[in-house]
PDB file of N, CA and C in Angstrom:
ATOM      1  N   UNK A   1       3.271  -8.012 -12.139  1.00  0.00           N
ATOM      2  CA  UNK A   1       3.219  -8.597 -11.367  1.00  0.00           C
ATOM      3  C   UNK A   1       2.863 -10.148 -11.609  1.00  0.00           C
ATOM      4  N   UNK A   2       3.703 -11.346 -11.750  1.00  0.00           N
ATOM      5  CA  UNK A   2       2.453 -11.929 -12.421  1.00  0.00           C
ATOM      6  C   UNK A   2       2.031 -12.981 -11.192  1.00  0.00           C
ATOM      7  N   UNK A   3       1.289 -13.744 -11.493  1.00  0.00           N
ATOM      8  CA  UNK A   3       0.752 -15.020 -10.827  1.00  0.00           C
ATOM      9  C   UNK A   3       1.845 -15.883  -9.857  1.00  0.00           C
ATOM     10  N   UNK A   4       2.439 -16.129 -10.776  1.00  0.00           N
ATOM     11  CA  UNK A   4       3.841 -17.304 -10.065  1.00  0.00           C
ATOM     12  C   UNK A   4       4.415 -15.935  -8.679  1.00  0.00           C
ATOM     13  N   UNK A   5       4.562 -15.325  -9.114  1.00  0.00           N
ATOM     14  CA  UNK A   5       5.343 -14.023  -8.045  1.00  0.00           C
ATOM     15  C   UNK A   5       4.478 -13.626  -6.733  1.00  0.00           C
ATOM     16  N   UNK A   6       3.026 -13.475  -7.436  1.00  0.00           N
ATOM     17  CA  UNK A   6       2.246 -13.401  -6.458  1.00  0.00           C
ATOM     18  C   UNK A   6       2.151 -14.275  -5.114  1.00  0.00           C
ATOM     19  N   UNK A   7       1.925 -15.547  -6.015  1.00  0.00           N
ATOM     20  CA  UNK A   7       2.208 -16.768  -4.856  1.00  0.00           C
ATOM     21  C   UNK A   7       3.427 -17.135  -4.219  1.00  0.00           C
ATOM     22  N   UNK A   8       4.558 -16.366  -4.307  1.00  0.00           N
ATOM     23  CA  UNK A   8       5.985 -16.472  -3.856  1.00  0.00           C
ATOM     24  C   UNK A   8       5.659 -15.668  -2.769  1.00  0.00           C
ATOM     25  N   UNK A   9       5.093 -14.508  -2.780  1.00  0.00           N
ATOM     26  CA  UNK A   9       4.963 -13.863  -1.483  1.00  0.00           C
ATOM     27  C   UNK A   9       3.993 -14.651  -0.299  1.00  0.00           C
ATOM     28  N   UNK A  10       2.645 -14.957  -1.193  1.00  0.00           N
ATOM     29  CA  UNK A  10       1.862 -15.220  -0.271  1.00  0.00           C
ATOM     30  C   UNK A  10       2.610 -16.581   0.440  1.00  0.00           C
ATOM     31  N   UNK A  11       3.487 -17.567  -0.336  1.00  0.00           N
ATOM     32  CA  UNK A  11       3.869 -18.524   0.264  1.00  0.00           C
ATOM     33  C   UNK A  11       4.761 -18.130   1.504  1.00  0.00           C
ATOM     34  N   UNK A  12       5.744 -16.997   1.194  1.00  0.00           N
ATOM     35  CA  UNK A  12       6.823 -16.300   2.486  1.00  0.00           C
ATOM     36  C   UNK A  12       5.513 -16.083   3.593  1.00  0.00           C
ATOM     37  N   UNK A  13       4.953 -15.471   3.336  1.00  0.00           N
ATOM     38  CA  UNK A  13       4.254 -14.868   4.747  1.00  0.00           C
ATOM     39  C   UNK A  13       3.477 -16.053   5.242  1.00  0.00           C
ATOM     40  N   UNK A  14       3.201 -17.209   4.140  1.00  0.00           N
ATOM     41  CA  UNK A  14       2.643 -18.450   4.793  1.00  0.00           C
ATOM     42  C   UNK A  14       3.366 -19.590   6.043  1.00  0.00           C
ATOM     43  N   UNK A  15       4.581 -19.304   5.203  1.00  0.00           N
ATOM     44  CA  UNK A  15       5.836 -20.230   5.915  1.00  0.00           C
ATOM     45  C   UNK A  15       6.158 -19.217   7.360  1.00  0.00           C
ATOM     46  N   UNK A  16       5.663 -18.358   7.525  1.00  0.00           N
ATOM     47  CA  UNK A  16       6.303 -17.239   8.685  1.00  0.00           C
ATOM     48  C   UNK A  16       4.596 -17.526   9.558  1.00  0.00           C
ATOM     49  N   UNK A  17       3.427 -17.805   9.076  1.00  0.00           N
ATOM     50  CA  UNK A  17       2.670 -18.167  10.080  1.00  0.00           C
ATOM     51  C   UNK A  17       1.629 -16.506  10.194  1.00  0.00           C
ATOM     52  N   UNK A  18       1.626 -15.690   8.798  1.00  0.00           N
ATOM     53  CA  UNK A  18       1.458 -14.220   9.266  1.00  0.00           C
ATOM     54  C   UNK A  18       0.642 -13.949   7.528  1.00  0.00           C
ATOM     55  N   UNK A  19       0.294 -15.177   6.718  1.00  0.00           N
ATOM     56  CA  UNK A  19      -0.448 -14.770   5.592  1.00  0.00           C
ATOM     57  C   UNK A  19      -1.951 -14.600   5.836  1.00  0.00           C
ATOM     58  N   UNK A  20      -2.828 -14.561   6.723  1.00  0.00           N
ATOM     59  CA  UNK A  20      -4.139 -14.329   7.092  1.00  0.00           C
ATOM     60  C   UNK A  20      -3.954 -12.924   7.738  1.00  0.00           C
ATOM     61  N   UNK A  21      -2.708 -11.972   7.409  1.00  0.00           N
ATOM     62  CA  UNK A  21      -2.328 -10.478   7.684  1.00  0.00           C
ATOM     63  C   UNK A  21      -2.272  -9.880   6.583  1.00  0.00           C
ATOM     64  N   UNK A  22      -2.453 -10.974   5.534  1.00  0.00           N
ATOM     65  CA  UNK A  22      -1.772 -10.458   4.316  1.00  0.00           C
ATOM     66  C   UNK A  22      -2.925  -9.664   3.290  1.00  0.00           C
ATOM     67  N   UNK A  23      -2.952  -8.475   3.048  1.00  0.00           N
ATOM     68  CA  UNK A  23      -3.850  -8.395   1.653  1.00  0.00           C
ATOM     69  C   UNK A  23      -3.294  -7.993   0.630  1.00  0.00           C
ATOM     70  N   UNK A  24      -3.892  -8.869  -0.678  1.00  0.00           N
ATOM     71  CA  UNK A  24      -3.190  -8.533  -1.716  1.00  0.00           C
ATOM     72  C   UNK A  24      -4.126  -7.540  -2.467  1.00  0.00           C
ATOM     73  N   UNK A  25      -3.448  -6.841  -3.045  1.00  0.00           N
ATOM     74  CA  UNK A  25      -4.125  -5.546  -4.192  1.00  0.00           C
ATOM     75  C   UNK A  25      -3.934  -5.624  -5.487  1.00  0.00           C
ATOM     76  N   UNK A  26      -4.974  -5.295  -6.246  1.00  0.00           N
ATOM     77  CA  UNK A  26      -5.563  -5.440  -7.568  1.00  0.00           C
ATOM     78  C   UNK A  26      -5.218  -3.815  -7.710  1.00  0.00           C
ATOM     79  N   UNK A  27      -3.810  -3.180  -8.526  1.00  0.00           N
ATOM     80  CA  UNK A  27      -3.875  -1.797  -8.491  1.00  0.00           C
ATOM     81  C   UNK A  27      -3.624  -1.694 -10.250  1.00  0.00           C
ATOM     82  N   UNK A  28      -4.442  -0.737 -10.754  1.00  0.00           N
ATOM     83  CA  UNK A  28      -3.732  -0.299 -12.501  1.00  0.00           C
ATOM     84  C   UNK A  28      -2.876   1.204 -12.175  1.00  0.00           C
ATOM     85  N   UNK A  29      -2.240   1.003 -12.660  1.00  0.00           N
ATOM     86  CA  UNK A  29      -1.397   2.221 -12.721  1.00  0.00           C
ATOM     87  C   UNK A  29      -2.084   3.101 -13.482  1.00  0.00           C
ATOM     88  N   UNK A  30      -1.692   4.776 -13.072  1.00  0.00           N
ATOM     89  CA  UNK A  30      -2.459   5.823 -14.129  1.00  0.00           C
ATOM     90  C   UNK A  30      -3.095   6.683 -13.330  1.00  0.00           C
ATOM     91  N   UNK A  31      -3.127   7.768 -13.863  1.00  0.00           N
ATOM     92  CA  UNK A  31      -4.016   8.685 -13.126  1.00  0.00           C
ATOM     93  C   UNK A  31      -4.473   9.935 -13.776  1.00  0.00           C
ATOM     94  N   UNK A  32      -5.749   9.794 -14.461  1.00  0.00           N
ATOM     95  CA  UNK A  32      -6.760   8.446 -13.458  1.00  0.00           C
ATOM     96  C   UNK A  32      -6.973   7.386 -14.824  1.00  0.00           C
ATOM     97  N   UNK A  33      -7.487   6.371 -14.523  1.00  0.00           N
ATOM     98  CA  UNK A  33      -7.176   4.672 -15.500  1.00  0.00           C
ATOM     99  C   UNK A  33      -8.554   5.320 -16.243  1.00  0.00           C
ATOM    100  N   UNK A  34      -8.292   5.416 -17.317  1.00  0.00           N
ATOM    101  CA  UNK A  34      -9.248   5.404 -18.007  1.00  0.00           C
ATOM    102  C   UNK A  34     -10.400   3.713 -17.992  1.00  0.00           C
ATOM    103  N   UNK A  35     -11.773   3.993 -18.471  1.00  0.00           N
ATOM    104  CA  UNK A  35     -11.926   2.556 -17.889  1.00  0.00           C
ATOM    105  C   UNK A  35     -12.050   1.271 -18.529  1.00  0.00           C
ATOM    106  N   UNK A  36     -11.819   1.707 -19.871  1.00  0.00           N
ATOM    107  CA  UNK A  36     -11.416   0.539 -20.298  1.00  0.00           C
ATOM    108  C   UNK A  36      -9.796   0.058 -20.619  1.00  0.00           C
ATOM    109  N   UNK A  37      -9.057   0.238 -19.627  1.00  0.00           N
ATOM    110  CA  UNK A  37      -8.107  -0.111 -18.910  1.00  0.00           C
ATOM    111  C   UNK A  37      -8.148  -0.316 -17.484  1.00  0.00           C
ATOM    112  N   UNK A  38      -8.678  -0.467 -17.089  1.00  0.00           N
ATOM    113  CA  UNK A  38      -9.254  -1.246 -15.560  1.00  0.00           C
ATOM    114  C   UNK A  38      -9.443  -2.548 -15.289  1.00  0.00           C
ATOM    115  N   UNK A  39      -8.771  -3.414 -14.886  1.00  0.00           N
ATOM    116  CA  UNK A  39      -8.634  -4.976 -15.149  1.00  0.00           C
ATOM    117  C   UNK A  39      -9.598  -5.672 -13.886  1.00  0.00           C
ATOM    118  N   UNK A  40     -11.033  -5.759 -13.808  1.00  0.00           N
ATOM    119  CA  UNK A  40     -11.959  -6.407 -13.037  1.00  0.00           C
ATOM    120  C   UNK A  40     -11.420  -7.729 -13.066  1.00  0.00           C
ATOM    121  N   UNK A  41     -10.642  -8.408 -14.186  1.00  0.00           N
ATOM    122  CA  UNK A  41     -10.987  -9.907 -13.989  1.00  0.00           C
ATOM    123  C   UNK A  41      -9.832 -10.280 -13.097  1.00  0.00           C
ATOM    124  N   UNK A  42      -8.536  -9.394 -13.066  1.00  0.00           N
ATOM    125  CA  UNK A  42      -7.197  -9.444 -12.251  1.00  0.00           C
ATOM    126  C   UNK A  42      -8.379  -9.992 -10.510  1.00  0.00           C
ATOM    127  N   UNK A  43      -9.483  -9.136 -10.331  1.00  0.00           N
ATOM    128  CA  UNK A  43      -9.838  -9.344  -8.855  1.00  0.00           C
ATOM    129  C   UNK A  43      -9.976 -10.742  -8.750  1.00  0.00           C
ATOM    130  N   UNK A  44     -11.152 -10.867  -9.545  1.00  0.00           N
ATOM    131  CA  UNK A  44     -11.513 -12.331  -9.787  1.00  0.00           C
ATOM    132  C   UNK A  44     -10.828 -13.203  -9.697  1.00  0.00           C
ATOM    133  N   UNK A  45      -9.064 -13.156 -10.798  1.00  0.00           N
ATOM    134  CA  UNK A  45      -7.682 -14.030 -10.697  1.00  0.00           C
ATOM    135  C   UNK A  45      -7.596 -14.361  -9.355  1.00  0.00           C
ATOM    136  N   UNK A  46      -7.038 -12.967  -8.951  1.00  0.00           N
ATOM    137  CA  UNK A  46      -6.523 -13.207  -7.571  1.00  0.00           C
ATOM    138  C   UNK A  46      -7.491 -13.732  -6.712  1.00  0.00           C
ATOM    139  N   UNK A  47      -8.914 -13.143  -7.037  1.00  0.00           N
ATOM    140  CA  UNK A  47      -9.491 -13.940  -5.556  1.00  0.00           C
ATOM    141  C   UNK A  47      -9.500 -15.981  -5.736  1.00  0.00           C
ATOM    142  N   UNK A  48      -9.590 -15.994  -6.565  1.00  0.00           N
ATOM    143  CA  UNK A  48      -9.664 -17.946  -6.658  1.00  0.00           C
ATOM    144  C   UNK A  48      -8.535 -17.991  -6.596  1.00  0.00           C
ATOM    145  N   UNK A  49      -7.134 -18.068  -7.242  1.00  0.00           N
ATOM    146  CA  UNK A  49      -5.992 -18.366  -6.423  1.00  0.00           C
ATOM    147  C   UNK A  49      -5.392 -18.051  -5.386  1.00  0.00           C
ATOM    148  N   UNK A  50      -5.936 -16.871  -4.169  1.00  0.00           N
ATOM    149  CA  UNK A  50      -5.242 -16.556  -3.403  1.00  0.00           C
ATOM    150  C   UNK A  50      -6.390 -16.315  -2.387  1.00  0.00           C
ATOM    151  N   UNK A  51      -7.844 -16.205  -2.563  1.00  0.00           N
ATOM    152  CA  UNK A  51      -8.491 -15.527  -1.576  1.00  0.00           C
ATOM    153  C   UNK A  51      -8.462 -16.409  -0.404  1.00  0.00           C
ATOM    154  N   UNK A  52      -8.670 -17.532  -0.155  1.00  0.00           N
ATOM    155  CA  UNK A  52      -8.406 -18.475   0.667  1.00  0.00           C
ATOM    156  C   UNK A  52      -7.401 -18.290   1.532  1.00  0.00           C
ATOM    157  N   UNK A  53      -6.273 -17.781   0.818  1.00  0.00           N
ATOM    158  CA  UNK A  53      -4.677 -17.771   1.477  1.00  0.00           C
ATOM    159  C   UNK A  53      -4.512 -16.827   2.625  1.00  0.00           C
ATOM    160  N   UNK A  54      -4.762 -15.748   1.952  1.00  0.00           N
ATOM    161  CA  UNK A  54      -4.855 -14.000   2.793  1.00  0.00           C
ATOM    162  C   UNK A  54      -6.336 -13.692   3.195  1.00  0.00           C
ATOM    163  N   UNK A  55      -5.706 -12.600   4.126  1.00  0.00           N
ATOM    164  CA  UNK A  55      -6.562 -11.691   4.520  1.00  0.00           C
ATOM    165  C   UNK A  55      -8.056 -11.618   4.048  1.00  0.00           C
ATOM    166  N   UNK A  56      -7.436 -10.258   2.868  1.00  0.00           N
ATOM    167  CA  UNK A  56      -8.766  -9.717   1.461  1.00  0.00           C
ATOM    168  C   UNK A  56      -7.403  -9.535   0.651  1.00  0.00           C
ATOM    169  N   UNK A  57      -8.928  -9.424  -0.591  1.00  0.00           N
ATOM    170  CA  UNK A  57      -8.407  -8.439  -1.697  1.00  0.00           C
ATOM    171  C   UNK A  57      -8.486  -7.461  -1.501  1.00  0.00           C
ATOM    172  N   UNK A  58      -8.156  -6.355  -2.204  1.00  0.00           N
ATOM    173  CA  UNK A  58      -8.394  -4.606  -1.789  1.00  0.00           C
ATOM    174  C   UNK A  58      -8.022  -4.417  -3.760  1.00  0.00           C
ATOM    175  N   UNK A  59      -8.657  -3.632  -3.675  1.00  0.00           N
ATOM    176  CA  UNK A  59      -8.572  -2.788  -5.096  1.00  0.00           C
ATOM    177  C   UNK A  59      -7.885  -1.369  -5.234  1.00  0.00           C
ATOM    178  N   UNK A  60      -7.006  -0.940  -6.067  1.00  0.00           N
ATOM    179  CA  UNK A  60      -6.597   0.361  -5.863  1.00  0.00           C
ATOM    180  C   UNK A  60      -6.882   0.636  -7.518  1.00  0.00           C
ATOM    181  N   UNK A  61      -7.931   1.461  -8.188  1.00  0.00           N
ATOM    182  CA  UNK A  61      -7.622   1.919  -9.353  1.00  0.00           C
ATOM    183  C   UNK A  61      -7.630   3.346  -9.843  1.00  0.00           C
ATOM    184  N   UNK A  62      -7.439   3.940  -9.283  1.00  0.00           N
ATOM    185  CA  UNK A  62      -7.313   5.861  -9.315  1.00  0.00           C
ATOM    186  C   UNK A  62      -8.046   6.299 -10.627  1.00  0.00           C
ATOM    187  N   UNK A  63      -9.070   5.749 -10.828  1.00  0.00           N
ATOM    188  CA  UNK A  63     -10.054   5.733 -11.595  1.00  0.00           C
ATOM    189  C   UNK A  63     -10.615   7.598 -10.911  1.00  0.00           C
ATOM    190  N   UNK A  64     -11.878   7.778 -12.097  1.00  0.00           N
ATOM    191  CA  UNK A  64     -12.655   8.740 -12.104  1.00  0.00           C
ATOM    192  C   UNK A  64     -13.752   8.360 -11.323  1.00  0.00           C
ATOM    193  N   UNK A  65     -14.920   8.769 -10.589  1.00  0.00           N
ATOM    194  CA  UNK A  65     -16.503   8.699  -9.832  1.00  0.00           C
ATOM    195  C   UNK A  65     -16.677   7.288  -9.111  1.00  0.00           C
ATOM    196  N   UNK A  66     -17.482   6.993  -8.651  1.00  0.00           N
ATOM    197  CA  UNK A  66     -17.258   5.532  -7.340  1.00  0.00           C
ATOM    198  C   UNK A  66     -18.016   4.346  -8.358  1.00  0.00           C
ATOM    199  N   UNK A  67     -18.347   4.376  -9.887  1.00  0.00           N
ATOM    200  CA  UNK A  67     -19.172   3.165 -10.449  1.00  0.00           C
ATOM    201  C   UNK A  67     -18.074   2.198 -10.146  1.00  0.00           C
ATOM    202  N   UNK A  68     -16.356   2.529 -10.629  1.00  0.00           N
ATOM    203  CA  UNK A  68     -15.958   1.278 -10.287  1.00  0.00           C
ATOM    204  C   UNK A  68     -14.989   0.824  -9.291  1.00  0.00           C
ATOM    205  N   UNK A  69     -15.156   1.675  -8.438  1.00  0.00           N
ATOM    206  CA  UNK A  69     -14.738   1.012  -6.808  1.00  0.00           C
ATOM    207  C   UNK A  69     -16.593   0.522  -6.512  1.00  0.00           C
ATOM    208  N   UNK A  70     -17.799   0.296  -6.559  1.00  0.00           N
ATOM    209  CA  UNK A  70     -18.832  -0.545  -6.607  1.00  0.00           C
ATOM    210  C   UNK A  70     -18.317  -1.584  -7.144  1.00  0.00           C
ATOM    211  N   UNK A  71     -17.990  -1.989  -8.253  1.00  0.00           N
ATOM    212  CA  UNK A  71     -17.881  -2.973  -9.569  1.00  0.00           C
ATOM    213  C   UNK A  71     -16.873  -3.473  -8.471  1.00  0.00           C
ATOM    214  N   UNK A  72     -15.570  -3.417  -8.778  1.00  0.00           N
ATOM    215  CA  UNK A  72     -14.791  -3.826  -7.588  1.00  0.00           C
ATOM    216  C   UNK A  72     -14.954  -4.911  -6.489  1.00  0.00           C
ATOM    217  N   UNK A  73     -15.692  -3.728  -5.452  1.00  0.00           N
ATOM    218  CA  UNK A  73     -16.923  -4.499  -4.054  1.00  0.00           C
ATOM    219  C   UNK A  73     -17.505  -5.490  -4.653  1.00  0.00           C
ATOM    220  N   UNK A  74     -18.054  -5.363  -5.500  1.00  0.00           N
ATOM    221  CA  UNK A  74     -19.048  -6.453  -6.081  1.00  0.00           C
ATOM    222  C   UNK A  74     -18.552  -7.922  -6.306  1.00  0.00           C
ATOM    223  N   UNK A  75     -17.412  -7.523  -6.991  1.00  0.00           N
ATOM    224  CA  UNK A  75     -16.168  -8.855  -7.744  1.00  0.00           C
ATOM    225  C   UNK A  75     -15.326  -9.547  -6.314  1.00  0.00           C
ATOM    226  N   UNK A  76     -15.495  -8.406  -5.129  1.00  0.00           N
ATOM    227  CA  UNK A  76     -15.334  -9.254  -4.079  1.00  0.00           C
ATOM    228  C   UNK A  76     -13.885  -8.807  -3.751  1.00  0.00           C
ATOM    229  N   UNK A  77     -13.541  -7.496  -3.932  1.00  0.00           N
ATOM    230  CA  UNK A  77     -12.484  -6.812  -3.165  1.00  0.00           C
ATOM    231  C   UNK A  77     -12.402  -5.369  -2.187  1.00  0.00           C
TER     232      UNK A  77
END
C-alpha cells in the first residue's frame, strides 16, 4: 500500500470523525519473515506522516523471536 493510499484511508475516517479510533499497521508478509526483509523504516514513516491523526501505529512482522517486536516497540508501534 502506498503512502497516498494510507493517507486516503485516514482522510476517509477523519471525515467521519473516527480517525482517532483507527490503528494503522506496518506489516511484512511472509512466514516467517527473514530479518533483512522486515521494513522497520515503514514504522517510522507511518508515524511521521500519520501518527498524530490516528490512534496508534501497530506492527505485525511474522518473524521469529522477540527482538524484532522489541525493536518495533522502540520505534513507536
